[in-house]
Amino acid sequence: ELKTPIMKGKILSTNMHEEKQKMQMERIFERLETLLGEMVKVEKLASNEWTLATKEYRLVDVLDHALDLLMCDTTRIEIRTDKTASLIYVDFDLFATALKNLLDNALKYSTQKVMVEIKPYAIRVCSEGEKIPDERLDFSRAFNRSIEGASTGLGLGLYIANAIISKHHFILTYAYEKETNIFTVIFNEKNV
């Protein structure tokens, strides 16, 4: 149902005369198509139609793929890692999608650099900004706000990230410290 209007929008945007608007519309429809694909994956995971294809990967490689998926300027992202290369058992593409969504939110709601910290049993995405209101902190549901708006988003990115992280039996936590939003993905020791 949703693919038809996206495709129509993509076709109509190719007929636009002003190049800047044409490019903006194309990016919007690409983003919608990506989100739709991610939602389909999450729903298949939730209904157990899709089983995780987990293998051992270096966390930095999964993060690198997540940065590629962002399709935007990543110069505002700074990565800090300790000297050990964290190895995790994940579905490479799905887990990269979860990290991409965490990074996308951090970039969207902060004008400062986004800090990614790789720890032996966790990865943290930190960004300066306003504290997320309590009614938006239930990441197990999409569209969980009392008031939706263009400036607040729909919550799909965090919902998708949380669903993928949970399916891997990892934990997504949120904290707000010193005007910084901190999302932490905690790996359990048997998956590292």
Protein backbone atom coordinates (compact mmCIF):
# COMPACT_ATOMS: atom_id res chain seq x y z
CA GLU A 1 0.00 0.00 0.00
CA LEU A 2 2.72 2.48 0.87
CA LYS A 3 5.02 1.69 -2.04
CA THR A 4 2.57 3.03 -4.65
CA PRO A 5 2.44 6.65 -3.37
CA ILE A 6 6.22 6.63 -2.84
CA MET A 7 6.77 5.50 -6.42
CA LYS A 8 4.30 8.08 -7.75
CA GLY A 9 6.06 10.78 -5.76
CA LYS A 10 9.44 9.73 -7.14
CA ILE A 11 8.09 9.85 -10.70
CA LEU A 12 6.48 13.25 -10.19
CA SER A 13 9.66 14.67 -8.65
CA THR A 14 11.60 13.83 -11.83
CA ASN A 15 9.33 16.25 -13.74
CA MET A 16 10.13 19.21 -11.49
CA HIS A 17 11.94 22.07 -13.20
CA GLU A 18 13.92 23.58 -10.33
CA GLU A 19 16.91 21.31 -9.70
CA LYS A 20 17.23 22.08 -5.97
CA GLN A 21 13.59 21.22 -5.26
CA LYS A 22 13.84 18.15 -7.47
CA MET A 23 16.83 16.86 -5.47
CA GLN A 24 15.08 17.57 -2.17
CA MET A 25 11.97 15.69 -3.26
CA GLU A 26 14.03 12.73 -4.49
CA ARG A 27 15.81 12.55 -1.11
CA ILE A 28 12.49 12.69 0.74
CA PHE A 29 11.09 9.79 -1.25
CA GLU A 30 14.32 7.79 -0.91
CA ARG A 31 14.10 8.31 2.85
CA LEU A 32 10.47 7.18 2.89
CA GLU A 33 11.37 4.09 0.88
CA THR A 34 14.20 3.29 3.28
CA LEU A 35 11.93 3.72 6.32
CA LEU A 36 9.30 1.50 4.75
CA GLY A 37 11.91 -1.21 4.13
CA GLU A 38 13.09 -0.95 7.73
CA MET A 39 9.52 -1.21 9.04
CA VAL A 40 8.93 -4.34 6.94
CA LYS A 41 12.09 -5.92 8.40
CA VAL A 42 11.05 -5.09 11.96
CA GLU A 43 7.54 -6.47 11.46
CA LYS A 44 8.99 -9.68 9.98
CA LEU A 45 11.31 -9.94 12.99
CA ALA A 46 8.44 -9.34 15.42
CA SER A 47 6.30 -12.01 13.79
CA ASN A 48 9.26 -14.43 13.64
CA GLU A 49 9.11 -14.56 9.83
CA TRP A 50 12.72 -13.44 9.73
CA THR A 51 15.44 -15.12 11.71
CA LEU A 52 18.64 -13.32 12.48
CA ALA A 53 21.67 -14.38 10.45
CA THR A 54 24.22 -13.69 13.17
CA LYS A 55 27.94 -14.03 12.72
CA GLU A 56 30.92 -12.55 14.47
CA TYR A 57 31.84 -9.06 13.26
CA ARG A 58 34.06 -6.27 14.43
CA LEU A 59 31.84 -3.56 15.87
CA VAL A 60 33.81 -0.88 13.99
CA ASP A 61 32.91 -2.59 10.69
CA VAL A 62 29.21 -2.62 11.55
CA LEU A 63 29.47 1.03 12.59
CA ASP A 64 31.22 1.88 9.32
CA HIS A 65 28.33 0.30 7.41
CA ALA A 66 25.85 2.29 9.53
CA LEU A 67 27.66 5.49 8.54
CA ASP A 68 27.35 4.50 4.88
CA LEU A 69 23.60 3.94 5.34
CA LEU A 70 23.11 7.45 6.73
CA MET A 71 23.42 8.99 3.27
CA CYS A 72 24.48 12.34 4.72
CA ASP A 73 27.53 14.28 5.83
CA THR A 74 29.14 12.35 8.70
CA THR A 75 31.87 14.89 9.54
CA ARG A 76 29.93 15.81 12.71
CA ILE A 77 30.41 12.27 14.06
CA GLU A 78 33.46 11.55 16.19
CA ILE A 79 34.30 7.97 17.08
CA ARG A 80 36.24 6.97 20.18
CA THR A 81 37.27 3.42 20.83
CA ASP A 82 39.55 1.68 23.26
CA LYS A 83 42.44 -0.30 21.87
CA THR A 84 40.61 -3.62 21.77
CA ALA A 85 38.45 -4.33 18.74
CA SER A 86 35.05 -5.33 20.05
CA LEU A 87 33.69 -8.45 18.37
CA ILE A 88 29.95 -9.03 18.43
CA TYR A 89 27.56 -11.64 17.07
CA VAL A 90 24.95 -9.76 15.04
CA ASP A 91 22.97 -9.76 11.85
CA PHE A 92 25.28 -7.32 10.04
CA ASP A 93 22.74 -5.37 7.97
CA LEU A 94 20.05 -5.26 10.62
CA PHE A 95 22.33 -4.16 13.42
CA ALA A 96 23.89 -1.52 11.15
CA THR A 97 20.36 -0.25 10.53
CA ALA A 98 19.78 0.08 14.28
CA LEU A 99 23.02 2.05 14.71
CA LYS A 100 22.17 4.19 11.69
CA ASN A 101 18.85 5.15 13.27
CA LEU A 102 20.52 6.09 16.58
CA LEU A 103 23.07 8.21 14.71
CA ASP A 104 20.40 9.80 12.52
CA ASN A 105 18.44 10.94 15.57
CA ALA A 106 21.57 12.27 17.24
CA LEU A 107 22.50 14.29 14.15
CA LYS A 108 18.92 15.52 13.66
CA TYR A 109 18.43 16.87 17.17
CA SER A 110 21.86 18.34 17.88
CA THR A 111 23.87 21.06 16.19
CA GLN A 112 27.08 19.90 17.86
CA LYS A 113 29.33 16.92 17.17
CA VAL A 114 27.91 13.49 17.86
CA MET A 115 30.19 11.28 19.92
CA VAL A 116 30.25 7.52 19.42
CA GLU A 117 32.09 5.58 22.12
CA ILE A 118 32.91 1.92 21.58
CA LYS A 119 33.38 0.04 24.84
CA PRO A 120 34.14 -3.67 25.36
CA TYR A 121 30.48 -4.49 26.15
CA ALA A 122 28.61 -1.49 24.77
CA ILE A 123 28.40 1.29 22.22
CA ARG A 124 27.24 4.78 23.20
CA VAL A 125 25.86 7.53 20.97
CA CYS A 126 26.06 10.90 22.71
CA SER A 127 24.74 14.25 21.48
CA GLU A 128 24.16 17.61 23.09
CA GLY A 129 20.56 18.74 23.04
CA GLU A 130 17.34 18.99 24.95
CA LYS A 131 16.28 16.10 27.15
CA ILE A 132 13.82 13.76 25.50
CA PRO A 133 10.43 14.17 27.21
CA ASP A 134 9.32 11.21 29.32
CA GLU A 135 6.31 10.45 27.08
CA ARG A 136 8.70 9.80 24.18
CA LEU A 137 10.91 7.30 26.03
CA ASP A 138 8.91 4.14 25.33
CA PHE A 139 10.90 2.90 22.33
CA SER A 140 8.96 -0.37 22.19
CA ARG A 141 6.13 1.40 20.35
CA ALA A 142 6.11 3.62 17.30
CA PHE A 143 3.95 6.75 17.28
CA ASN A 144 3.98 6.90 21.08
CA ARG A 145 3.70 10.61 21.63
CA SER A 146 0.71 12.59 22.82
CA ILE A 147 1.38 15.28 20.20
CA GLU A 148 2.89 14.53 16.79
CA GLY A 149 4.47 17.23 14.69
CA ALA A 150 6.94 17.86 11.92
CA SER A 151 9.58 19.09 14.36
CA THR A 152 9.33 16.12 16.73
CA GLY A 153 9.28 13.19 14.34
CA LEU A 154 7.17 10.07 14.59
CA GLY A 155 9.45 7.88 16.69
CA LEU A 156 9.98 5.31 13.95
CA GLY A 157 13.78 5.50 14.03
CA LEU A 158 14.06 4.71 17.73
CA TYR A 159 11.29 2.11 17.51
CA ILE A 160 13.13 0.33 14.69
CA ALA A 161 16.48 0.58 16.48
CA ASN A 162 15.02 -0.75 19.73
CA ALA A 163 13.23 -3.64 17.98
CA ILE A 164 16.43 -4.75 16.25
CA ILE A 165 18.54 -4.32 19.39
CA SER A 166 16.01 -6.30 21.47
CA LYS A 167 15.86 -9.08 18.88
CA HIS A 168 19.63 -9.46 19.33
CA HIS A 169 19.01 -9.79 23.10
CA PHE A 170 20.87 -6.53 23.71
CA ILE A 171 19.55 -3.62 25.78
CA LEU A 172 19.01 -0.02 24.66
CA THR A 173 19.19 2.53 27.48
CA TYR A 174 18.76 6.29 27.55
CA ALA A 175 20.25 8.81 29.96
CA TYR A 176 20.51 12.58 30.05
CA GLU A 177 23.63 13.99 31.69
CA LYS A 178 25.17 17.48 31.43
CA GLU A 179 22.85 18.55 28.57
CA THR A 180 23.78 15.40 26.64
CA ASN A 181 21.48 12.67 25.36
CA ILE A 182 23.18 9.29 25.76
CA PHE A 183 21.89 6.16 24.05
CA THR A 184 23.76 3.02 25.07
CA VAL A 185 23.49 -0.40 23.46
CA ILE A 186 24.61 -2.94 26.06
CA PHE A 187 25.75 -6.29 24.72
CA ASN A 188 25.46 -9.33 26.90
CA GLU A 189 28.73 -11.18 27.38
CA LYS A 190 27.70 -14.32 25.50
CA ASN A 191 27.10 -12.26 22.32
CA VAL A 192 30.47 -10.50 22.48
